[in-house]
Amino acid sequence: MNPILKTALAALIAYSSHYGMTKFYTTYCIPDVFWGFVQGSATTGSPLCSGAFTVMTQTHTAYSTILITSLSHLFVDSMGKFLERKEV
């Protein structure tokens, strides 16, 4: 499989997982209503909500790493081509 396609697929999976867990967490663990504050004090420590938060944290890290690494790779490649033209 093409490395660019693998990277794009990994980014899509990481972002989709992050988005889904964020929606789950804000819907069931800390709803965005006044009573969500009260409910959140009881549900945020539950194993399900704690696990969802861990998944959100890990997928955030993975997605950020993919983006930074990809942009750095593009920068290094473009600088290499730029420097090759200067030497000729």
N, C-alpha and C. Protein backbone atom coordinates (compact mmCIF):
# COMPACT_ATOMS: atom_id res chain seq x y z
N MET A 1 0.85 -1.18 0.00
CA MET A 1 0.00 0.00 0.00
C MET A 1 0.90 1.25 0.00
N ASN A 2 0.47 2.25 -0.68
CA ASN A 2 1.19 3.52 -0.79
C ASN A 2 1.36 4.16 0.60
N PRO A 3 2.60 4.64 0.93
CA PRO A 3 2.81 5.25 2.26
C PRO A 3 1.93 6.48 2.52
N ILE A 4 1.65 7.25 1.49
CA ILE A 4 0.78 8.42 1.68
C ILE A 4 -0.64 7.98 2.01
N LEU A 5 -1.09 6.93 1.34
CA LEU A 5 -2.43 6.41 1.60
C LEU A 5 -2.51 5.81 3.01
N LYS A 6 -1.45 5.13 3.44
CA LYS A 6 -1.42 4.58 4.80
C LYS A 6 -1.50 5.71 5.84
N THR A 7 -0.74 6.76 5.60
CA THR A 7 -0.74 7.89 6.54
C THR A 7 -2.11 8.55 6.59
N ALA A 8 -2.71 8.75 5.42
CA ALA A 8 -4.04 9.37 5.36
C ALA A 8 -5.08 8.48 6.05
N LEU A 9 -4.97 7.18 5.86
CA LEU A 9 -5.90 6.25 6.51
C LEU A 9 -5.72 6.26 8.03
N ALA A 10 -4.47 6.29 8.48
CA ALA A 10 -4.20 6.34 9.92
C ALA A 10 -4.75 7.64 10.52
N ALA A 11 -4.58 8.75 9.81
CA ALA A 11 -5.11 10.03 10.30
C ALA A 11 -6.63 10.00 10.35
N LEU A 12 -7.24 9.42 9.34
CA LEU A 12 -8.71 9.33 9.30
C LEU A 12 -9.23 8.47 10.45
N ILE A 13 -8.57 7.35 10.71
CA ILE A 13 -9.00 6.48 11.81
C ILE A 13 -8.81 7.18 13.16
N ALA A 14 -7.67 7.83 13.34
CA ALA A 14 -7.41 8.52 14.61
C ALA A 14 -8.41 9.65 14.83
N TYR A 15 -8.66 10.44 13.79
CA TYR A 15 -9.59 11.57 13.96
C TYR A 15 -11.02 11.07 14.16
N SER A 16 -11.42 10.05 13.42
CA SER A 16 -12.78 9.53 13.56
C SER A 16 -13.00 8.95 14.96
N SER A 17 -12.01 8.23 15.47
CA SER A 17 -12.11 7.69 16.83
C SER A 17 -12.20 8.82 17.86
N HIS A 18 -11.37 9.83 17.67
CA HIS A 18 -11.38 10.98 18.58
C HIS A 18 -12.73 11.70 18.55
N TYR A 19 -13.24 11.94 17.36
CA TYR A 19 -14.51 12.63 17.21
C TYR A 19 -15.65 11.83 17.85
N GLY A 20 -15.67 10.53 17.57
CA GLY A 20 -16.73 9.68 18.13
C GLY A 20 -16.70 9.64 19.65
N MET A 21 -15.50 9.49 20.21
CA MET A 21 -15.37 9.45 21.68
C MET A 21 -15.72 10.79 22.30
N THR A 22 -15.36 11.88 21.63
CA THR A 22 -15.71 13.21 22.15
C THR A 22 -17.22 13.38 22.19
N LYS A 23 -17.89 12.96 21.13
CA LYS A 23 -19.37 13.05 21.12
C LYS A 23 -19.98 12.18 22.21
N PHE A 24 -19.45 10.97 22.37
CA PHE A 24 -19.94 10.08 23.42
C PHE A 24 -19.74 10.72 24.80
N TYR A 25 -18.53 11.24 25.04
CA TYR A 25 -18.18 11.81 26.34
C TYR A 25 -19.07 13.02 26.67
N THR A 26 -19.26 13.90 25.71
CA THR A 26 -20.07 15.09 25.98
C THR A 26 -21.56 14.78 26.06
N THR A 27 -21.99 13.68 25.47
CA THR A 27 -23.40 13.32 25.53
C THR A 27 -23.73 12.56 26.82
N TYR A 28 -22.91 11.59 27.17
CA TYR A 28 -23.26 10.70 28.28
C TYR A 28 -22.51 11.00 29.59
N CYS A 29 -21.32 11.57 29.50
CA CYS A 29 -20.53 11.77 30.72
C CYS A 29 -20.70 13.17 31.30
N ILE A 30 -20.68 14.18 30.45
CA ILE A 30 -20.87 15.56 30.90
C ILE A 30 -21.79 16.30 29.92
N PRO A 31 -23.08 16.04 29.98
CA PRO A 31 -24.00 16.70 29.06
C PRO A 31 -23.91 18.23 29.17
N ASP A 32 -24.17 18.88 28.07
CA ASP A 32 -24.03 20.33 27.99
C ASP A 32 -25.33 21.03 28.41
N VAL A 33 -25.77 20.76 29.61
CA VAL A 33 -26.93 21.42 30.21
C VAL A 33 -26.56 21.73 31.66
N PHE A 34 -27.39 22.49 32.34
CA PHE A 34 -27.07 22.82 33.73
C PHE A 34 -26.92 21.57 34.59
N TRP A 35 -27.83 20.63 34.41
CA TRP A 35 -27.76 19.41 35.23
C TRP A 35 -26.58 18.53 34.82
N GLY A 36 -25.98 18.82 33.68
CA GLY A 36 -24.78 18.10 33.27
C GLY A 36 -23.63 18.32 34.23
N PHE A 37 -23.59 19.50 34.83
CA PHE A 37 -22.58 19.78 35.84
C PHE A 37 -22.73 18.85 37.03
N VAL A 38 -23.96 18.68 37.45
CA VAL A 38 -24.24 17.79 38.59
C VAL A 38 -24.02 16.34 38.18
N GLN A 39 -24.53 15.96 37.02
CA GLN A 39 -24.38 14.58 36.55
C GLN A 39 -22.91 14.26 36.31
N GLY A 40 -22.18 15.22 35.75
CA GLY A 40 -20.76 15.00 35.47
C GLY A 40 -19.94 14.70 36.70
N SER A 41 -20.32 15.29 37.83
CA SER A 41 -19.58 15.02 39.06
C SER A 41 -19.72 13.56 39.48
N ALA A 42 -20.79 12.91 39.05
CA ALA A 42 -21.00 11.51 39.40
C ALA A 42 -20.51 10.56 38.31
N THR A 43 -20.54 10.98 37.05
CA THR A 43 -20.24 10.05 35.95
C THR A 43 -18.82 10.13 35.42
N THR A 44 -18.12 11.24 35.60
CA THR A 44 -16.79 11.36 35.01
C THR A 44 -15.81 10.34 35.56
N GLY A 45 -15.98 9.90 36.77
CA GLY A 45 -15.08 8.92 37.36
C GLY A 45 -15.44 7.48 37.03
N SER A 46 -16.55 7.27 36.33
CA SER A 46 -16.94 5.90 35.99
C SER A 46 -15.95 5.28 35.02
N PRO A 47 -15.83 3.96 35.04
CA PRO A 47 -14.88 3.31 34.13
C PRO A 47 -15.16 3.61 32.65
N LEU A 48 -16.42 3.68 32.29
CA LEU A 48 -16.77 3.95 30.89
C LEU A 48 -16.34 5.35 30.47
N CYS A 49 -16.63 6.33 31.28
CA CYS A 49 -16.25 7.71 30.96
C CYS A 49 -14.74 7.91 31.05
N SER A 50 -14.12 7.26 32.02
CA SER A 50 -12.67 7.35 32.16
C SER A 50 -11.99 6.73 30.94
N GLY A 51 -12.51 5.60 30.48
CA GLY A 51 -11.97 4.96 29.27
C GLY A 51 -12.16 5.82 28.04
N ALA A 52 -13.32 6.46 27.92
CA ALA A 52 -13.57 7.35 26.78
C ALA A 52 -12.61 8.53 26.80
N PHE A 53 -12.35 9.06 27.97
CA PHE A 53 -11.41 10.18 28.09
C PHE A 53 -9.99 9.76 27.71
N THR A 54 -9.61 8.56 28.11
CA THR A 54 -8.29 8.04 27.75
C THR A 54 -8.17 7.87 26.24
N VAL A 55 -9.21 7.35 25.61
CA VAL A 55 -9.20 7.20 24.14
C VAL A 55 -9.09 8.58 23.48
N MET A 56 -9.81 9.57 24.00
CA MET A 56 -9.73 10.92 23.44
C MET A 56 -8.31 11.47 23.55
N THR A 57 -7.67 11.26 24.68
CA THR A 57 -6.31 11.75 24.89
C THR A 57 -5.33 11.08 23.95
N GLN A 58 -5.42 9.76 23.84
CA GLN A 58 -4.49 9.01 23.00
C GLN A 58 -4.68 9.30 21.51
N THR A 59 -5.93 9.42 21.07
CA THR A 59 -6.15 9.70 19.65
C THR A 59 -5.76 11.14 19.31
N HIS A 60 -5.89 12.05 20.27
CA HIS A 60 -5.42 13.42 20.06
C HIS A 60 -3.92 13.42 19.83
N THR A 61 -3.21 12.68 20.66
CA THR A 61 -1.76 12.59 20.53
C THR A 61 -1.37 11.94 19.21
N ALA A 62 -2.04 10.86 18.84
CA ALA A 62 -1.72 10.16 17.59
C ALA A 62 -1.98 11.05 16.38
N TYR A 63 -3.12 11.73 16.37
CA TYR A 63 -3.48 12.58 15.23
C TYR A 63 -2.50 13.76 15.12
N SER A 64 -2.16 14.36 16.24
CA SER A 64 -1.21 15.48 16.22
C SER A 64 0.15 15.02 15.72
N THR A 65 0.58 13.85 16.15
CA THR A 65 1.87 13.31 15.71
C THR A 65 1.86 13.05 14.21
N ILE A 66 0.79 12.50 13.70
CA ILE A 66 0.69 12.24 12.25
C ILE A 66 0.77 13.55 11.48
N LEU A 67 0.05 14.57 11.93
CA LEU A 67 0.07 15.86 11.22
C LEU A 67 1.45 16.51 11.26
N ILE A 68 2.06 16.56 12.43
CA ILE A 68 3.37 17.21 12.55
C ILE A 68 4.43 16.46 11.77
N THR A 69 4.41 15.13 11.84
CA THR A 69 5.38 14.34 11.10
C THR A 69 5.19 14.51 9.59
N SER A 70 3.96 14.52 9.13
CA SER A 70 3.69 14.68 7.70
C SER A 70 4.14 16.05 7.20
N LEU A 71 3.82 17.09 7.97
CA LEU A 71 4.24 18.44 7.57
C LEU A 71 5.76 18.59 7.60
N SER A 72 6.40 17.99 8.59
CA SER A 72 7.86 18.04 8.66
C SER A 72 8.48 17.31 7.48
N HIS A 73 7.91 16.18 7.13
CA HIS A 73 8.41 15.41 5.99
C HIS A 73 8.26 16.21 4.69
N LEU A 74 7.13 16.85 4.51
CA LEU A 74 6.95 17.69 3.31
C LEU A 74 7.95 18.84 3.28
N PHE A 75 8.19 19.46 4.42
CA PHE A 75 9.14 20.56 4.49
C PHE A 75 10.56 20.10 4.16
N VAL A 76 10.97 18.99 4.75
CA VAL A 76 12.32 18.47 4.50
C VAL A 76 12.48 18.07 3.04
N ASP A 77 11.48 17.42 2.47
CA ASP A 77 11.55 17.06 1.05
C ASP A 77 11.63 18.28 0.15
N SER A 78 10.83 19.30 0.44
CA SER A 78 10.84 20.50 -0.40
C SER A 78 12.15 21.25 -0.26
N MET A 79 12.73 21.27 0.95
CA MET A 79 14.02 21.93 1.13
C MET A 79 15.12 21.17 0.40
N GLY A 80 15.05 19.85 0.40
CA GLY A 80 16.04 19.05 -0.32
C GLY A 80 16.00 19.35 -1.81
N LYS A 81 14.82 19.45 -2.37
CA LYS A 81 14.69 19.77 -3.80
C LYS A 81 15.14 21.20 -4.07
N PHE A 82 14.85 22.11 -3.16
CA PHE A 82 15.27 23.50 -3.31
C PHE A 82 16.78 23.60 -3.28
N LEU A 83 17.44 22.90 -2.37
CA LEU A 83 18.87 22.95 -2.25
C LEU A 83 19.56 22.27 -3.43
N GLU A 84 18.95 21.22 -3.98
CA GLU A 84 19.51 20.57 -5.16
C GLU A 84 19.54 21.52 -6.35
N ARG A 85 18.51 22.32 -6.51
CA ARG A 85 18.46 23.30 -7.62
C ARG A 85 19.50 24.39 -7.45
N LYS A 86 19.78 24.79 -6.22
CA LYS A 86 20.76 25.85 -5.95
C LYS A 86 22.17 25.39 -6.29
N GLU A 87 22.48 24.11 -6.07
CA GLU A 87 23.83 23.60 -6.31
C GLU A 87 24.14 23.48 -7.79
N VAL A 88 23.17 23.32 -8.64
CA VAL A 88 23.39 23.10 -10.07
C VAL A 88 23.69 24.38 -10.77
